[in-house]
Amino acid sequence: MKALLDINVLLDFLLARKGFENAALILDKARQRNFTACVSAHEITTLSCFLEKDSRFRGTYRGTIASLFTMTE
């Protein structure tokens, strides 16, 4: 089964927004290969913008996004 992940799922998890536990569960299932997680190309650029502006990710946001590539298509 394939699922297209909404950018809000990724942002909830990465930015630890309210309800991020649900997003963490989804991403954990994707990491375990219970399903094929897909993201659209424009989500990557949008994520870059959000993470670059967040002080917790300064200098590491590229690595964070690269790690998403290991569990998504």
Protein backbone atom coordinates (compact mmCIF):
# COMPACT_ATOMS: atom_id res chain seq x y z
CA MET A 1 0.00 0.00 0.00
CA LYS A 2 1.20 3.52 -0.79
CA ALA A 3 0.21 6.67 1.07
CA LEU A 4 0.95 10.28 0.19
CA LEU A 5 1.92 12.06 3.40
CA ASP A 6 0.48 15.51 3.87
CA ILE A 7 3.05 18.15 4.72
CA ASN A 8 1.26 18.83 7.99
CA VAL A 9 2.05 15.29 9.18
CA LEU A 10 5.74 15.98 8.57
CA LEU A 11 5.61 19.43 10.15
CA ASP A 12 3.69 18.16 13.18
CA PHE A 13 6.37 15.56 13.80
CA LEU A 14 9.45 17.66 13.05
CA LEU A 15 8.29 20.78 14.88
CA ALA A 16 6.65 18.80 17.72
CA ARG A 17 3.38 20.59 17.17
CA LYS A 18 0.21 19.67 19.03
CA GLY A 19 -0.77 16.11 18.15
CA PHE A 20 2.72 15.18 16.96
CA GLU A 21 2.33 11.76 18.58
CA ASN A 22 -0.06 10.73 15.80
CA ALA A 23 2.42 11.89 13.17
CA ALA A 24 5.20 10.00 14.96
CA LEU A 25 3.13 6.83 14.81
CA ILE A 26 2.55 7.25 11.07
CA LEU A 27 6.23 7.89 10.40
CA ASP A 28 7.26 4.97 12.57
CA LYS A 29 5.02 2.67 10.53
CA ALA A 30 6.59 4.05 7.36
CA ARG A 31 10.09 3.49 8.76
CA GLN A 32 9.14 -0.12 9.54
CA ARG A 33 7.95 -0.45 5.92
CA ASN A 34 4.37 -1.29 6.91
CA PHE A 35 3.42 0.86 3.93
CA THR A 36 5.19 2.93 1.30
CA ALA A 37 5.21 6.57 2.37
CA CYS A 38 5.38 9.10 -0.44
CA VAL A 39 5.97 12.85 -0.39
CA SER A 40 5.60 15.31 -3.22
CA ALA A 41 8.60 17.26 -4.47
CA HIS A 42 7.17 20.62 -3.43
CA GLU A 43 6.86 19.38 0.16
CA ILE A 44 10.64 19.12 0.36
CA THR A 45 11.18 22.77 -0.52
CA THR A 46 8.42 23.87 1.85
CA LEU A 47 9.90 21.77 4.66
CA SER A 48 13.29 23.35 4.00
CA CYS A 49 11.80 26.82 4.46
CA PHE A 50 10.07 25.92 7.73
CA LEU A 51 13.06 24.09 9.19
CA GLU A 52 15.60 26.70 8.13
CA LYS A 53 13.64 29.37 10.04
CA ASP A 54 13.38 27.24 13.21
CA SER A 55 16.38 27.76 15.48
CA ARG A 56 16.32 24.09 16.54
CA PHE A 57 17.24 23.07 13.00
CA ARG A 58 19.79 25.73 12.06
CA GLY A 59 22.63 23.99 10.32
CA THR A 60 20.98 20.56 10.51
CA TYR A 61 17.81 20.91 8.48
CA ARG A 62 19.38 19.39 5.36
CA GLY A 63 20.30 16.27 7.32
CA THR A 64 16.81 16.09 8.76
CA ILE A 65 15.29 16.20 5.30
CA ALA A 66 17.81 13.66 4.01
CA SER A 67 16.74 11.28 6.76
CA LEU A 68 13.15 11.60 5.54
CA PHE A 69 14.33 10.32 2.15
CA THR A 70 15.33 7.03 3.78
CA MET A 71 11.73 6.25 4.72
CA THR A 72 9.78 7.88 1.87
CA GLU A 73 9.55 7.89 -1.89
